[in-house]
Amino acid sequence: MPTAKIPKTNAARLLETLGIPFELHMAEVDSSDLSAVTMAHKLHADPACVFKTLVVRGDRTGVLMACIPAAAELNLKALALASGNKHVEMVSLKEVQPLTGYVRGGCSPLAAKKAYPVFVDESAILEQRIYVSAGHRGVQLRLAPDDLLRAVQGSYAALTRL
C-alpha cells in the first residue's frame, strides 16, 4: 500500500520532527487476533523484527514501556533490574488507553500521552530495521533500532525469557 494512503500518526509526526527516517506500513487487522506474530505474518516480516510494546508499572519508577520481539515473552525480573525497580507488573488492559492514549493492538512507544521510560530488547541490535506500532491498529513504523532509541531516549536491555 502506498505510504500516501496510510494515515499519519502522532508517532510518525514525532519522527519527522526529529528528522528520523522511517517507513509507514499498513496491514489488515482482525480484532479477534491482535497478536504481534499475526501482524508480522501480514507484513511478510520475520517476527524477530516486529516489536510489540507492553505497558508496565514498576514499584519505584512507575509506568514504563517495554518493546520486545513479536513471539517473545517479557521477563519481568529482567525488566525490573534494567529499570531500577524491585519488581514490575503489567498494567491492566483498562489502564493502557488512559495512560498512553493508545488501544490494545495499537500501542506505540512513541508519542504517548506522557513520555514514559522505554526499554527495547537488546535483540533489536541484530536487525537493520524493526517494526513498532505507529499508534493505530494495523499501522506500523519501520525504522533503525538506534533511531527508535534516540526518539524515545530509551535503553537496550535483555528483556525476554530464554
Foldseek 3Di string as FASTA:
>chain_A
DDQVPDDAFPQNVLCVVVVFDKGKFFFDDDVVDLAQVVLCVRVVHDQQQEWEKFWKQAPPQGIAIETGGRPFDFDQCQVCVVVVGNTMGGDDQVVVCVFFVAHPSQGFQGDGPDLHAYEYEPSLQVDQWGWYHSRDHRMIMIHRPVSVCVSSVYYYTHTTDD
